[in-house]
Amino acid sequence: MKAVLKSLLIFVLLMSVVIPSLQGQTVRAESAIGPISLGFTPHDSVLDQNKPVVYMTKLGSKTLYAVNFSTGEMKTLTLPDPAERLDLQKGKLYVTQHKMSHDTYNVGPYSGGIAEVDTETFTLSDTMDIAADPFDIAVDQNGYIYISPGRDSMGI
């Protein structure tokens, strides 16, 4: 169900406003009618349940995107390391950070990180180093972060 909602949301975003992508700047569309041109293919996305915003990552990029699909406003935030997967819980966005490349033949040691972004201010609030090649992330209602490791990494 979550995948269907993500796909539907991305389709709605692409069909509502044309916006140029400008690194580190907020861009506002003239009207909320027409397609949104993101200028990239989203790798992962999550919908904010409290406001009309979808957060997205671009594979291999340190940039995190926030698009308000009601107004057409797009914000970007540059993170310390490349961002890949994300999850949202209680106004905090958690983003996997890659400090090494995904390599099938790497047997360790592994390193990665988690960035915590405040969605109200769209600013980086914290970073955490982990001893894993993070593949995916989930955060529960109590704030516990779960990482599924990529490749053959076992330790976190």
N, C-alpha and C. Protein backbone atom coordinates (compact mmCIF):
# COMPACT_ATOMS: atom_id res chain seq x y z
N MET A 1 0.82 -1.19 0.00
CA MET A 1 0.00 0.00 0.00
C MET A 1 0.87 1.26 0.00
N LYS A 2 1.98 1.24 0.82
CA LYS A 2 2.87 2.39 0.89
C LYS A 2 3.50 2.70 -0.47
N ALA A 3 3.88 1.65 -1.20
CA ALA A 3 4.49 1.83 -2.52
C ALA A 3 3.49 2.44 -3.50
N VAL A 4 2.22 2.01 -3.41
CA VAL A 4 1.19 2.55 -4.29
C VAL A 4 0.97 4.03 -4.01
N LEU A 5 0.93 4.40 -2.71
CA LEU A 5 0.75 5.80 -2.35
C LEU A 5 1.93 6.65 -2.81
N LYS A 6 3.15 6.13 -2.67
CA LYS A 6 4.33 6.86 -3.14
C LYS A 6 4.25 7.10 -4.64
N SER A 7 3.90 6.05 -5.39
CA SER A 7 3.81 6.18 -6.84
C SER A 7 2.74 7.18 -7.24
N LEU A 8 1.59 7.12 -6.57
CA LEU A 8 0.51 8.05 -6.85
C LEU A 8 0.92 9.48 -6.53
N LEU A 9 1.60 9.68 -5.42
CA LEU A 9 2.03 11.01 -5.02
C LEU A 9 3.03 11.58 -6.01
N ILE A 10 3.98 10.78 -6.44
CA ILE A 10 4.97 11.25 -7.41
C ILE A 10 4.26 11.61 -8.71
N PHE A 11 3.28 10.81 -9.12
CA PHE A 11 2.52 11.12 -10.33
C PHE A 11 1.80 12.45 -10.17
N VAL A 12 1.16 12.67 -9.01
CA VAL A 12 0.45 13.93 -8.76
C VAL A 12 1.43 15.10 -8.79
N LEU A 13 2.60 14.91 -8.17
CA LEU A 13 3.61 15.97 -8.17
C LEU A 13 4.04 16.32 -9.58
N LEU A 14 4.26 15.31 -10.37
CA LEU A 14 4.72 15.55 -11.74
C LEU A 14 3.65 16.18 -12.61
N MET A 15 2.41 16.12 -12.19
CA MET A 15 1.32 16.66 -12.99
C MET A 15 0.78 17.98 -12.44
N SER A 16 1.46 18.63 -11.47
CA SER A 16 0.84 19.82 -10.90
C SER A 16 1.53 21.16 -11.15
N VAL A 17 2.87 21.28 -11.14
CA VAL A 17 3.51 22.58 -11.31
C VAL A 17 4.90 22.42 -11.94
N VAL A 18 5.30 23.32 -12.82
CA VAL A 18 6.65 23.29 -13.38
C VAL A 18 7.56 24.12 -12.50
N ILE A 19 8.64 23.50 -12.01
CA ILE A 19 9.57 24.18 -11.10
C ILE A 19 11.00 23.89 -11.53
N PRO A 20 11.82 24.89 -11.72
CA PRO A 20 13.23 24.61 -11.97
C PRO A 20 13.91 24.17 -10.68
N SER A 21 14.89 23.32 -10.77
CA SER A 21 15.60 22.84 -9.59
C SER A 21 16.84 23.70 -9.36
N LEU A 22 16.87 24.40 -8.24
CA LEU A 22 18.01 25.24 -7.90
C LEU A 22 18.58 24.80 -6.57
N GLN A 23 19.84 24.39 -6.56
CA GLN A 23 20.49 23.89 -5.36
C GLN A 23 20.50 24.93 -4.26
N GLY A 24 20.04 24.56 -3.07
CA GLY A 24 20.13 25.42 -1.90
C GLY A 24 19.18 26.60 -1.88
N GLN A 25 18.21 26.65 -2.77
CA GLN A 25 17.29 27.77 -2.83
C GLN A 25 15.85 27.29 -2.78
N THR A 26 14.97 28.17 -2.36
CA THR A 26 13.55 27.89 -2.39
C THR A 26 13.00 28.48 -3.69
N VAL A 27 12.21 27.69 -4.40
CA VAL A 27 11.65 28.11 -5.68
C VAL A 27 10.14 28.06 -5.56
N ARG A 28 9.45 29.08 -6.02
CA ARG A 28 7.99 29.11 -5.97
C ARG A 28 7.43 29.17 -7.39
N ALA A 29 6.45 28.36 -7.66
CA ALA A 29 5.82 28.33 -8.97
C ALA A 29 4.80 29.44 -9.09
N GLU A 30 4.50 29.83 -10.32
CA GLU A 30 3.49 30.86 -10.57
C GLU A 30 2.09 30.38 -10.22
N SER A 31 1.77 29.13 -10.54
CA SER A 31 0.45 28.60 -10.21
C SER A 31 0.57 27.13 -9.86
N ALA A 32 -0.45 26.61 -9.25
CA ALA A 32 -0.44 25.21 -8.83
C ALA A 32 -1.08 24.31 -9.88
N ILE A 33 -1.08 24.74 -11.14
CA ILE A 33 -1.68 23.93 -12.19
C ILE A 33 -0.61 23.66 -13.24
N GLY A 34 -0.40 22.39 -13.56
CA GLY A 34 0.59 21.98 -14.53
C GLY A 34 1.56 21.00 -13.91
N PRO A 35 2.43 20.40 -14.71
CA PRO A 35 3.35 19.39 -14.18
C PRO A 35 4.52 20.00 -13.41
N ILE A 36 5.04 19.24 -12.46
CA ILE A 36 6.26 19.63 -11.75
C ILE A 36 7.42 18.93 -12.43
N SER A 37 8.38 19.71 -12.87
CA SER A 37 9.60 19.15 -13.43
C SER A 37 10.66 19.19 -12.34
N LEU A 38 10.96 18.04 -11.78
CA LEU A 38 11.93 17.98 -10.69
C LEU A 38 13.36 18.12 -11.20
N GLY A 39 13.61 17.71 -12.40
CA GLY A 39 14.96 17.75 -12.94
C GLY A 39 15.78 16.53 -12.54
N PHE A 40 15.15 15.56 -11.90
CA PHE A 40 15.82 14.33 -11.50
C PHE A 40 14.76 13.26 -11.27
N THR A 41 15.21 12.01 -11.19
CA THR A 41 14.31 10.91 -10.86
C THR A 41 14.46 10.61 -9.37
N PRO A 42 13.40 10.73 -8.59
CA PRO A 42 13.51 10.45 -7.14
C PRO A 42 13.90 8.99 -6.90
N HIS A 43 14.81 8.80 -5.95
CA HIS A 43 15.22 7.45 -5.57
C HIS A 43 14.33 6.93 -4.46
N ASP A 44 14.06 7.75 -3.46
CA ASP A 44 13.16 7.40 -2.37
C ASP A 44 12.35 8.63 -2.02
N SER A 45 11.17 8.41 -1.48
CA SER A 45 10.31 9.54 -1.11
C SER A 45 9.45 9.15 0.08
N VAL A 46 9.04 10.17 0.82
CA VAL A 46 8.12 9.97 1.93
C VAL A 46 7.20 11.18 2.00
N LEU A 47 5.92 10.91 2.26
CA LEU A 47 4.90 11.94 2.35
C LEU A 47 4.75 12.39 3.79
N ASP A 48 4.75 13.69 4.01
CA ASP A 48 4.50 14.25 5.34
C ASP A 48 3.00 14.13 5.61
N GLN A 49 2.63 13.51 6.71
CA GLN A 49 1.22 13.30 7.04
C GLN A 49 0.53 14.55 7.56
N ASN A 50 1.31 15.58 7.94
CA ASN A 50 0.75 16.79 8.54
C ASN A 50 0.70 17.99 7.62
N LYS A 51 1.37 17.92 6.48
CA LYS A 51 1.37 19.04 5.55
C LYS A 51 1.56 18.50 4.13
N PRO A 52 1.22 19.28 3.12
CA PRO A 52 1.28 18.79 1.74
C PRO A 52 2.70 18.82 1.16
N VAL A 53 3.59 18.06 1.78
CA VAL A 53 5.00 18.04 1.38
C VAL A 53 5.44 16.60 1.18
N VAL A 54 6.22 16.40 0.13
CA VAL A 54 6.87 15.12 -0.09
C VAL A 54 8.38 15.38 -0.06
N TYR A 55 9.11 14.51 0.66
CA TYR A 55 10.56 14.60 0.77
C TYR A 55 11.15 13.53 -0.14
N MET A 56 12.24 13.87 -0.84
CA MET A 56 12.82 12.96 -1.82
C MET A 56 14.34 12.99 -1.78
N THR A 57 14.92 11.87 -2.20
CA THR A 57 16.36 11.79 -2.41
C THR A 57 16.62 11.51 -3.88
N LYS A 58 17.83 11.86 -4.30
CA LYS A 58 18.31 11.55 -5.66
C LYS A 58 19.51 10.65 -5.48
N LEU A 59 19.52 9.51 -6.12
CA LEU A 59 20.58 8.53 -5.96
C LEU A 59 21.96 9.14 -6.26
N GLY A 60 22.90 8.96 -5.33
CA GLY A 60 24.26 9.45 -5.51
C GLY A 60 24.46 10.91 -5.15
N SER A 61 23.41 11.58 -4.68
CA SER A 61 23.47 13.01 -4.38
C SER A 61 23.40 13.27 -2.88
N LYS A 62 24.03 14.34 -2.43
CA LYS A 62 23.95 14.78 -1.04
C LYS A 62 22.72 15.67 -0.80
N THR A 63 21.96 15.92 -1.85
CA THR A 63 20.83 16.84 -1.76
C THR A 63 19.55 16.13 -1.35
N LEU A 64 18.85 16.73 -0.41
CA LEU A 64 17.53 16.29 0.03
C LEU A 64 16.53 17.32 -0.48
N TYR A 65 15.40 16.87 -0.98
CA TYR A 65 14.40 17.75 -1.57
C TYR A 65 13.11 17.71 -0.77
N ALA A 66 12.45 18.87 -0.63
CA ALA A 66 11.12 18.97 -0.03
C ALA A 66 10.26 19.75 -1.02
N VAL A 67 9.18 19.11 -1.51
CA VAL A 67 8.31 19.76 -2.48
C VAL A 67 6.91 19.87 -1.88
N ASN A 68 6.42 21.11 -1.79
CA ASN A 68 5.06 21.35 -1.36
C ASN A 68 4.18 21.23 -2.59
N PHE A 69 3.36 20.18 -2.65
CA PHE A 69 2.58 19.95 -3.86
C PHE A 69 1.31 20.79 -3.91
N SER A 70 1.03 21.61 -2.91
CA SER A 70 -0.09 22.56 -2.98
C SER A 70 0.35 23.89 -3.56
N THR A 71 1.56 24.33 -3.19
CA THR A 71 2.04 25.64 -3.64
C THR A 71 3.07 25.54 -4.75
N GLY A 72 3.70 24.38 -4.91
CA GLY A 72 4.75 24.23 -5.90
C GLY A 72 6.12 24.63 -5.38
N GLU A 73 6.22 25.00 -4.11
CA GLU A 73 7.50 25.41 -3.54
C GLU A 73 8.42 24.20 -3.38
N MET A 74 9.68 24.34 -3.81
CA MET A 74 10.68 23.29 -3.66
C MET A 74 11.85 23.83 -2.85
N LYS A 75 12.24 23.09 -1.82
CA LYS A 75 13.40 23.44 -1.01
C LYS A 75 14.43 22.33 -1.15
N THR A 76 15.70 22.70 -1.03
CA THR A 76 16.78 21.71 -1.04
C THR A 76 17.65 21.90 0.19
N LEU A 77 18.23 20.81 0.62
CA LEU A 77 19.15 20.81 1.75
C LEU A 77 20.31 19.91 1.40
N THR A 78 21.53 20.41 1.52
CA THR A 78 22.72 19.61 1.26
C THR A 78 23.16 18.94 2.55
N LEU A 79 23.26 17.61 2.51
CA LEU A 79 23.66 16.81 3.66
C LEU A 79 25.16 16.52 3.59
N PRO A 80 25.76 16.06 4.69
CA PRO A 80 27.20 15.80 4.70
C PRO A 80 27.66 14.71 3.73
N ASP A 81 26.83 13.68 3.54
CA ASP A 81 27.19 12.55 2.69
C ASP A 81 26.01 12.22 1.77
N PRO A 82 26.25 11.40 0.73
CA PRO A 82 25.15 11.06 -0.17
C PRO A 82 23.96 10.43 0.57
N ALA A 83 22.77 10.88 0.22
CA ALA A 83 21.53 10.41 0.84
C ALA A 83 20.88 9.36 -0.05
N GLU A 84 20.25 8.36 0.58
CA GLU A 84 19.61 7.34 -0.23
C GLU A 84 18.18 7.06 0.23
N ARG A 85 17.98 6.53 1.40
CA ARG A 85 16.66 6.14 1.90
C ARG A 85 16.24 7.07 3.03
N LEU A 86 14.92 7.20 3.22
CA LEU A 86 14.44 8.08 4.29
C LEU A 86 13.16 7.57 4.92
N ASP A 87 12.92 8.06 6.15
CA ASP A 87 11.69 7.78 6.87
C ASP A 87 11.36 9.01 7.71
N LEU A 88 10.09 9.18 8.02
CA LEU A 88 9.61 10.36 8.74
C LEU A 88 8.86 9.92 9.98
N GLN A 89 9.18 10.55 11.11
CA GLN A 89 8.49 10.25 12.36
C GLN A 89 8.49 11.48 13.26
N LYS A 90 7.33 11.92 13.68
CA LYS A 90 7.16 13.02 14.62
C LYS A 90 7.92 14.28 14.22
N GLY A 91 7.81 14.69 12.97
CA GLY A 91 8.42 15.92 12.50
C GLY A 91 9.91 15.84 12.25
N LYS A 92 10.48 14.65 12.34
CA LYS A 92 11.90 14.44 12.06
C LYS A 92 12.03 13.50 10.87
N LEU A 93 12.88 13.88 9.94
CA LEU A 93 13.16 13.08 8.76
C LEU A 93 14.51 12.41 8.99
N TYR A 94 14.55 11.10 8.83
CA TYR A 94 15.79 10.33 9.03
C TYR A 94 16.25 9.83 7.68
N VAL A 95 17.53 10.10 7.35
CA VAL A 95 18.06 9.84 6.01
C VAL A 95 19.34 9.03 6.12
N THR A 96 19.42 7.91 5.38
CA THR A 96 20.66 7.14 5.38
C THR A 96 21.74 7.94 4.66
N GLN A 97 22.95 7.85 5.18
CA GLN A 97 24.12 8.56 4.64
C GLN A 97 25.19 7.53 4.29
N HIS A 98 25.70 7.62 3.06
CA HIS A 98 26.72 6.66 2.62
C HIS A 98 28.10 7.28 2.70
N LYS A 99 28.96 6.66 3.49
CA LYS A 99 30.33 7.13 3.65
C LYS A 99 31.28 6.27 2.82
N MET A 100 30.73 5.27 2.15
CA MET A 100 31.51 4.38 1.29
C MET A 100 30.59 3.93 0.16
N SER A 101 31.17 3.46 -0.92
CA SER A 101 30.32 3.02 -2.03
C SER A 101 29.78 1.62 -1.76
N HIS A 102 28.61 1.34 -2.34
CA HIS A 102 28.08 -0.03 -2.28
C HIS A 102 28.98 -0.89 -3.15
N ASP A 103 29.55 -1.93 -2.56
CA ASP A 103 30.46 -2.80 -3.30
C ASP A 103 30.18 -4.24 -2.91
N THR A 104 29.79 -5.04 -3.88
CA THR A 104 29.46 -6.44 -3.63
C THR A 104 30.62 -7.20 -3.02
N TYR A 105 31.84 -6.81 -3.34
CA TYR A 105 33.01 -7.58 -2.90
C TYR A 105 33.65 -7.03 -1.64
N ASN A 106 33.12 -5.96 -1.07
CA ASN A 106 33.68 -5.41 0.15
C ASN A 106 33.26 -6.27 1.34
N VAL A 107 34.23 -6.72 2.12
CA VAL A 107 33.94 -7.56 3.28
C VAL A 107 34.14 -6.79 4.58
N GLY A 108 34.24 -5.49 4.51
CA GLY A 108 34.32 -4.65 5.70
C GLY A 108 35.70 -4.05 5.85
N PRO A 109 35.87 -3.21 6.81
CA PRO A 109 34.83 -2.70 7.71
C PRO A 109 33.87 -1.76 6.97
N TYR A 110 32.68 -1.61 7.53
CA TYR A 110 31.64 -0.81 6.92
C TYR A 110 31.44 0.48 7.69
N SER A 111 31.02 1.52 6.98
CA SER A 111 30.70 2.78 7.66
C SER A 111 29.57 3.48 6.91
N GLY A 112 28.73 4.12 7.68
CA GLY A 112 27.62 4.87 7.12
C GLY A 112 27.14 5.86 8.17
N GLY A 113 26.02 6.44 7.93
CA GLY A 113 25.49 7.40 8.90
C GLY A 113 24.00 7.60 8.70
N ILE A 114 23.43 8.30 9.68
CA ILE A 114 22.03 8.69 9.64
C ILE A 114 21.99 10.19 9.89
N ALA A 115 21.30 10.91 9.03
CA ALA A 115 21.10 12.35 9.22
C ALA A 115 19.67 12.55 9.74
N GLU A 116 19.53 13.43 10.73
CA GLU A 116 18.22 13.79 11.25
C GLU A 116 17.92 15.22 10.81
N VAL A 117 16.79 15.41 10.12
CA VAL A 117 16.40 16.72 9.59
C VAL A 117 15.10 17.16 10.25
N ASP A 118 15.09 18.38 10.76
CA ASP A 118 13.88 18.97 11.33
C ASP A 118 13.00 19.44 10.17
N THR A 119 11.80 18.89 10.04
CA THR A 119 10.95 19.22 8.90
C THR A 119 10.30 20.60 9.02
N GLU A 120 10.20 21.15 10.22
CA GLU A 120 9.62 22.49 10.37
C GLU A 120 10.54 23.56 9.80
N THR A 121 11.84 23.42 10.06
CA THR A 121 12.81 24.41 9.59
C THR A 121 13.58 23.92 8.37
N PHE A 122 13.43 22.65 8.02
CA PHE A 122 14.17 21.98 6.95
C PHE A 122 15.66 22.24 7.09
N THR A 123 16.16 21.92 8.29
CA THR A 123 17.58 22.05 8.60
C THR A 123 18.09 20.75 9.20
N LEU A 124 19.38 20.51 9.04
CA LEU A 124 20.03 19.34 9.63
C LEU A 124 20.13 19.54 11.13
N SER A 125 19.57 18.63 11.91
CA SER A 125 19.62 18.78 13.37
C SER A 125 20.61 17.85 14.04
N ASP A 126 20.96 16.72 13.39
CA ASP A 126 21.90 15.79 14.01
C ASP A 126 22.40 14.81 12.96
N THR A 127 23.57 14.23 13.22
CA THR A 127 24.08 13.12 12.41
C THR A 127 24.58 12.04 13.36
N MET A 128 24.46 10.79 12.92
CA MET A 128 24.92 9.65 13.71
C MET A 128 25.74 8.74 12.81
N ASP A 129 26.92 8.34 13.26
CA ASP A 129 27.73 7.38 12.52
C ASP A 129 27.29 5.97 12.89
N ILE A 130 27.30 5.06 11.90
CA ILE A 130 26.99 3.66 12.14
C ILE A 130 28.03 2.79 11.45
N ALA A 131 28.24 1.59 12.00
CA ALA A 131 29.20 0.64 11.43
C ALA A 131 28.48 -0.33 10.50
N ALA A 132 27.85 0.22 9.47
CA ALA A 132 27.11 -0.58 8.49
C ALA A 132 27.01 0.18 7.19
N ASP A 133 26.75 -0.56 6.13
CA ASP A 133 26.44 0.02 4.83
C ASP A 133 24.91 0.05 4.79
N PRO A 134 24.28 1.20 5.14
CA PRO A 134 22.82 1.21 5.30
C PRO A 134 22.09 1.05 3.97
N PHE A 135 21.15 0.10 3.95
CA PHE A 135 20.34 -0.11 2.75
C PHE A 135 18.99 0.57 2.88
N ASP A 136 18.32 0.39 4.03
CA ASP A 136 17.02 1.02 4.24
C ASP A 136 16.88 1.41 5.69
N ILE A 137 15.88 2.23 5.99
CA ILE A 137 15.70 2.77 7.33
C ILE A 137 14.22 2.79 7.68
N ALA A 138 13.93 2.55 8.95
CA ALA A 138 12.57 2.68 9.48
C ALA A 138 12.70 3.22 10.90
N VAL A 139 11.77 4.08 11.28
CA VAL A 139 11.77 4.67 12.62
C VAL A 139 10.39 4.41 13.22
N ASP A 140 10.35 3.86 14.44
CA ASP A 140 9.06 3.59 15.05
C ASP A 140 8.57 4.78 15.87
N GLN A 141 7.37 4.68 16.43
CA GLN A 141 6.75 5.78 17.16
C GLN A 141 7.49 6.14 18.44
N ASN A 142 8.34 5.24 18.94
CA ASN A 142 9.13 5.52 20.14
C ASN A 142 10.49 6.11 19.81
N GLY A 143 10.78 6.32 18.54
CA GLY A 143 12.04 6.91 18.13
C GLY A 143 13.16 5.92 17.88
N TYR A 144 12.87 4.62 17.95
CA TYR A 144 13.90 3.63 17.66
C TYR A 144 14.12 3.57 16.15
N ILE A 145 15.40 3.58 15.78
CA ILE A 145 15.78 3.56 14.37
C ILE A 145 16.22 2.15 14.00
N TYR A 146 15.67 1.63 12.91
CA TYR A 146 16.02 0.30 12.42
C TYR A 146 16.67 0.46 11.06
N ILE A 147 17.84 -0.15 10.91
CA ILE A 147 18.60 -0.09 9.66
C ILE A 147 18.72 -1.51 9.12
N SER A 148 18.38 -1.69 7.86
CA SER A 148 18.70 -2.95 7.21
C SER A 148 20.00 -2.73 6.45
N PRO A 149 21.00 -3.57 6.73
CA PRO A 149 22.29 -3.37 6.09
C PRO A 149 22.31 -3.79 4.63
N GLY A 150 23.10 -3.08 3.85
CA GLY A 150 23.28 -3.43 2.45
C GLY A 150 24.43 -4.39 2.30
N ARG A 151 24.48 -5.03 1.18
CA ARG A 151 25.52 -6.00 0.85
C ARG A 151 25.63 -7.04 1.95
N ASP A 152 26.86 -7.32 2.42
CA ASP A 152 27.06 -8.35 3.43
C ASP A 152 27.36 -7.77 4.81
N SER A 153 27.11 -6.48 5.01
CA SER A 153 27.43 -5.91 6.33
C SER A 153 26.47 -6.44 7.37
N MET A 154 26.99 -6.79 8.51
CA MET A 154 26.17 -7.39 9.56
C MET A 154 26.08 -6.52 10.80
N GLY A 155 27.10 -5.76 11.11
CA GLY A 155 27.11 -5.04 12.38
C GLY A 155 26.59 -3.63 12.27
N ILE A 156 25.91 -3.20 13.29
CA ILE A 156 25.46 -1.82 13.40
C ILE A 156 25.93 -1.27 14.73
